[in-house]
Amino acid sequence: MIGDDGLTTFGERLKLAMFQAGYRKNTDLARRIGVTEGTVRNWLTRLLAPSGKEDVIAKIAEVLNVSLSWLRFGMGPMQTSAQESHNEYAAEDGLTRAQRLVLRAIRADIAKLSDPALEIWYAHYQKAMDKPK
């Protein structure tokens, strides 16, 4: 998905966020978030965000002070406060483990959609949510 800033991949967004936050070496970020330098290098060169690592992506967004939605999906503004970044996942607090897994799987699938497909998905979602129960 291409964000408003023209960056198409998680790696591109991560590289920009690292640069703007003053992280010039992969090892610096790796140490800060508790992963290896090779892991950070892989994220910088891959097209998709690391799957199944939503907690790590949330930590990266917090450390780099960028929006989780921007970093993960390329949506919305890049900059955010640390509190806003945390709040993007705060909705999960009251969910069961199974509900959290489903929600994270949906988020991961949405991230893979092209813009036209995403617009179709969202239209169907809104229509389903508007139906009387």
C-alpha atoms as a PDB file:
ATOM      1  CA  MET A   1       0.000   0.000   0.000  1.00  0.00           C
ATOM      2  CA  ILE A   2       1.326   3.431  -0.901  1.00  0.00           C
ATOM      3  CA  GLY A   3       0.958   5.981   1.857  1.00  0.00           C
ATOM      4  CA  ASP A   4       0.447   9.699   1.439  1.00  0.00           C
ATOM      5  CA  ASP A   5       4.221  10.133   1.544  1.00  0.00           C
ATOM      6  CA  GLY A   6       4.808   7.754  -1.400  1.00  0.00           C
ATOM      7  CA  LEU A   7       6.598   5.128   0.689  1.00  0.00           C
ATOM      8  CA  THR A   8       5.312   1.718  -0.302  1.00  0.00           C
ATOM      9  CA  THR A   9       7.008  -0.740   2.038  1.00  0.00           C
ATOM     10  CA  PHE A  10       7.451  -1.231   5.738  1.00  0.00           C
ATOM     11  CA  GLY A  11      11.220  -1.183   5.159  1.00  0.00           C
ATOM     12  CA  GLU A  12      11.103   2.226   3.476  1.00  0.00           C
ATOM     13  CA  ARG A  13       9.019   3.675   6.288  1.00  0.00           C
ATOM     14  CA  LEU A  14      11.262   2.083   8.921  1.00  0.00           C
ATOM     15  CA  LYS A  15      14.379   3.497   7.261  1.00  0.00           C
ATOM     16  CA  LEU A  16      12.915   7.015   7.190  1.00  0.00           C
ATOM     17  CA  ALA A  17      11.699   6.783  10.788  1.00  0.00           C
ATOM     18  CA  MET A  18      15.100   5.519  11.950  1.00  0.00           C
ATOM     19  CA  PHE A  19      16.887   8.346  10.151  1.00  0.00           C
ATOM     20  CA  GLN A  20      14.598  11.039  11.547  1.00  0.00           C
ATOM     21  CA  ALA A  21      14.922   9.617  15.064  1.00  0.00           C
ATOM     22  CA  GLY A  22      18.721   9.646  14.795  1.00  0.00           C
ATOM     23  CA  TYR A  23      19.286   5.897  14.463  1.00  0.00           C
ATOM     24  CA  ARG A  24      22.103   5.614  11.901  1.00  0.00           C
ATOM     25  CA  LYS A  25      23.006   2.000  12.661  1.00  0.00           C
ATOM     26  CA  ASN A  26      20.737  -1.034  12.648  1.00  0.00           C
ATOM     27  CA  THR A  27      22.453  -2.257  15.805  1.00  0.00           C
ATOM     28  CA  ASP A  28      21.316   0.819  17.756  1.00  0.00           C
ATOM     29  CA  LEU A  29      17.634   0.167  17.044  1.00  0.00           C
ATOM     30  CA  ALA A  30      18.067  -3.589  17.457  1.00  0.00           C
ATOM     31  CA  ARG A  31      19.466  -3.160  20.973  1.00  0.00           C
ATOM     32  CA  ARG A  32      16.723  -0.708  21.909  1.00  0.00           C
ATOM     33  CA  ILE A  33      13.863  -3.031  20.896  1.00  0.00           C
ATOM     34  CA  GLY A  34      15.499  -6.347  21.813  1.00  0.00           C
ATOM     35  CA  VAL A  35      16.117  -7.968  18.415  1.00  0.00           C
ATOM     36  CA  THR A  36      19.232  -8.783  16.408  1.00  0.00           C
ATOM     37  CA  GLU A  37      20.852  -6.451  13.910  1.00  0.00           C
ATOM     38  CA  GLY A  38      20.117  -9.032  11.211  1.00  0.00           C
ATOM     39  CA  THR A  39      16.416  -8.850  12.033  1.00  0.00           C
ATOM     40  CA  VAL A  40      16.401  -5.074  11.565  1.00  0.00           C
ATOM     41  CA  ARG A  41      18.387  -5.463   8.325  1.00  0.00           C
ATOM     42  CA  ASN A  42      15.820  -7.965   7.037  1.00  0.00           C
ATOM     43  CA  TRP A  43      12.944  -5.614   7.848  1.00  0.00           C
ATOM     44  CA  LEU A  44      14.685  -2.808   5.964  1.00  0.00           C
ATOM     45  CA  THR A  45      15.023  -4.919   2.821  1.00  0.00           C
ATOM     46  CA  ARG A  46      11.723  -6.817   2.759  1.00  0.00           C
ATOM     47  CA  LEU A  47       8.538  -5.605   1.130  1.00  0.00           C
ATOM     48  CA  LEU A  48       6.181  -6.503   3.981  1.00  0.00           C
ATOM     49  CA  ALA A  49       6.247  -5.811   7.673  1.00  0.00           C
ATOM     50  CA  PRO A  50       7.259  -8.736   9.847  1.00  0.00           C
ATOM     51  CA  SER A  51       4.216 -10.994  10.182  1.00  0.00           C
ATOM     52  CA  GLY A  52       3.014 -11.989  13.621  1.00  0.00           C
ATOM     53  CA  LYS A  53       5.179  -9.336  15.282  1.00  0.00           C
ATOM     54  CA  GLU A  54       2.582  -6.691  16.112  1.00  0.00           C
ATOM     55  CA  ASP A  55       3.995  -6.158  19.607  1.00  0.00           C
ATOM     56  CA  VAL A  56       7.476  -5.564  18.164  1.00  0.00           C
ATOM     57  CA  ILE A  57       6.117  -3.163  15.528  1.00  0.00           C
ATOM     58  CA  ALA A  58       4.256  -1.277  18.271  1.00  0.00           C
ATOM     59  CA  LYS A  59       7.492  -1.018  20.258  1.00  0.00           C
ATOM     60  CA  ILE A  60       9.373   0.250  17.180  1.00  0.00           C
ATOM     61  CA  ALA A  61       6.699   2.903  16.605  1.00  0.00           C
ATOM     62  CA  GLU A  62       6.944   3.980  20.230  1.00  0.00           C
ATOM     63  CA  VAL A  63      10.760   4.106  20.222  1.00  0.00           C
ATOM     64  CA  LEU A  64      10.884   6.040  16.930  1.00  0.00           C
ATOM     65  CA  ASN A  65       7.930   8.248  17.946  1.00  0.00           C
ATOM     66  CA  VAL A  66       5.930   7.530  14.801  1.00  0.00           C
ATOM     67  CA  SER A  67       2.356   6.485  14.283  1.00  0.00           C
ATOM     68  CA  LEU A  68       1.802   2.750  14.427  1.00  0.00           C
ATOM     69  CA  SER A  69      -0.689   3.001  11.546  1.00  0.00           C
ATOM     70  CA  TRP A  70       1.844   4.868   9.439  1.00  0.00           C
ATOM     71  CA  LEU A  71       4.694   2.472  10.198  1.00  0.00           C
ATOM     72  CA  ARG A  72       2.670  -0.714   9.762  1.00  0.00           C
ATOM     73  CA  PHE A  73       0.295   0.235   6.952  1.00  0.00           C
ATOM     74  CA  GLY A  74       1.506   3.545   5.503  1.00  0.00           C
ATOM     75  CA  MET A  75      -1.741   5.200   6.602  1.00  0.00           C
ATOM     76  CA  GLY A  76      -2.135   8.570   8.294  1.00  0.00           C
ATOM     77  CA  PRO A  77       0.538  10.989   9.432  1.00  0.00           C
ATOM     78  CA  MET A  78       4.017   9.772  10.254  1.00  0.00           C
ATOM     79  CA  GLN A  79       4.551  11.671  13.487  1.00  0.00           C
ATOM     80  CA  THR A  80       2.587  11.009  16.620  1.00  0.00           C
ATOM     81  CA  SER A  81       2.953  11.295  20.324  1.00  0.00           C
ATOM     82  CA  ALA A  82       3.989   8.206  22.258  1.00  0.00           C
ATOM     83  CA  GLN A  83       0.544   8.171  23.876  1.00  0.00           C
ATOM     84  CA  GLU A  84      -1.254   8.087  20.507  1.00  0.00           C
ATOM     85  CA  SER A  85       0.958   5.209  19.375  1.00  0.00           C
ATOM     86  CA  HIS A  86       0.084   3.250  22.514  1.00  0.00           C
ATOM     87  CA  ASN A  87      -3.629   4.004  22.105  1.00  0.00           C
ATOM     88  CA  GLU A  88      -3.742   2.357  18.682  1.00  0.00           C
ATOM     89  CA  TYR A  89      -3.506  -1.012  20.430  1.00  0.00           C
ATOM     90  CA  ALA A  90      -5.287  -0.019  23.643  1.00  0.00           C
ATOM     91  CA  ALA A  91      -8.553  -1.324  22.182  1.00  0.00           C
ATOM     92  CA  GLU A  92      -7.150  -4.835  22.576  1.00  0.00           C
ATOM     93  CA  ASP A  93      -7.028  -4.554  26.361  1.00  0.00           C
ATOM     94  CA  GLY A  94     -10.505  -5.963  26.949  1.00  0.00           C
ATOM     95  CA  LEU A  95     -10.314  -8.694  24.320  1.00  0.00           C
ATOM     96  CA  THR A  96      -9.762 -12.392  24.844  1.00  0.00           C
ATOM     97  CA  ARG A  97      -6.595 -13.962  23.447  1.00  0.00           C
ATOM     98  CA  ALA A  98      -8.593 -15.447  20.542  1.00  0.00           C
ATOM     99  CA  GLN A  99     -10.157 -12.068  19.722  1.00  0.00           C
ATOM    100  CA  ARG A 100      -6.732 -10.378  19.767  1.00  0.00           C
ATOM    101  CA  LEU A 101      -5.342 -13.009  17.398  1.00  0.00           C
ATOM    102  CA  VAL A 102      -8.245 -12.539  14.983  1.00  0.00           C
ATOM    103  CA  LEU A 103      -7.903  -8.754  15.118  1.00  0.00           C
ATOM    104  CA  ARG A 104      -4.151  -8.934  14.461  1.00  0.00           C
ATOM    105  CA  ALA A 105      -4.682 -11.376  11.581  1.00  0.00           C
ATOM    106  CA  ILE A 106      -7.219  -9.001  10.036  1.00  0.00           C
ATOM    107  CA  ARG A 107      -4.782  -6.089  10.415  1.00  0.00           C
ATOM    108  CA  ALA A 108      -2.038  -8.125   8.752  1.00  0.00           C
ATOM    109  CA  ASP A 109      -4.327  -9.117   5.864  1.00  0.00           C
ATOM    110  CA  ILE A 110      -5.494  -5.539   5.386  1.00  0.00           C
ATOM    111  CA  ALA A 111      -1.886  -4.401   5.125  1.00  0.00           C
ATOM    112  CA  LYS A 112      -1.416  -6.669   2.106  1.00  0.00           C
ATOM    113  CA  LEU A 113      -4.347  -5.221   0.158  1.00  0.00           C
ATOM    114  CA  SER A 114      -3.872  -2.807  -2.712  1.00  0.00           C
ATOM    115  CA  ASP A 115      -5.600   0.565  -2.415  1.00  0.00           C
ATOM    116  CA  PRO A 116      -8.547  -0.403  -4.710  1.00  0.00           C
ATOM    117  CA  ALA A 117      -9.042  -3.692  -2.859  1.00  0.00           C
ATOM    118  CA  LEU A 118      -8.829  -1.894   0.474  1.00  0.00           C
ATOM    119  CA  GLU A 119     -11.523   0.562  -0.594  1.00  0.00           C
ATOM    120  CA  ILE A 120     -13.794  -2.333  -1.630  1.00  0.00           C
ATOM    121  CA  TRP A 121     -13.139  -4.122   1.666  1.00  0.00           C
ATOM    122  CA  TYR A 122     -13.916  -0.992   3.654  1.00  0.00           C
ATOM    123  CA  ALA A 123     -17.166  -0.372   1.754  1.00  0.00           C
ATOM    124  CA  HIS A 124     -18.294  -3.950   2.517  1.00  0.00           C
ATOM    125  CA  TYR A 125     -17.239  -3.552   6.141  1.00  0.00           C
ATOM    126  CA  GLN A 126     -19.240  -0.346   6.552  1.00  0.00           C
ATOM    127  CA  LYS A 127     -22.271  -1.908   4.899  1.00  0.00           C
ATOM    128  CA  ALA A 128     -22.075  -4.912   7.233  1.00  0.00           C
ATOM    129  CA  MET A 129     -21.731  -2.668  10.294  1.00  0.00           C
ATOM    130  CA  ASP A 130     -24.786  -0.612   9.250  1.00  0.00           C
ATOM    131  CA  LYS A 131     -27.060  -3.661   9.055  1.00  0.00           C
ATOM    132  CA  PRO A 132     -29.580  -3.964  11.879  1.00  0.00           C
ATOM    133  CA  LYS A 133     -28.834  -6.750  14.328  1.00  0.00           C
END
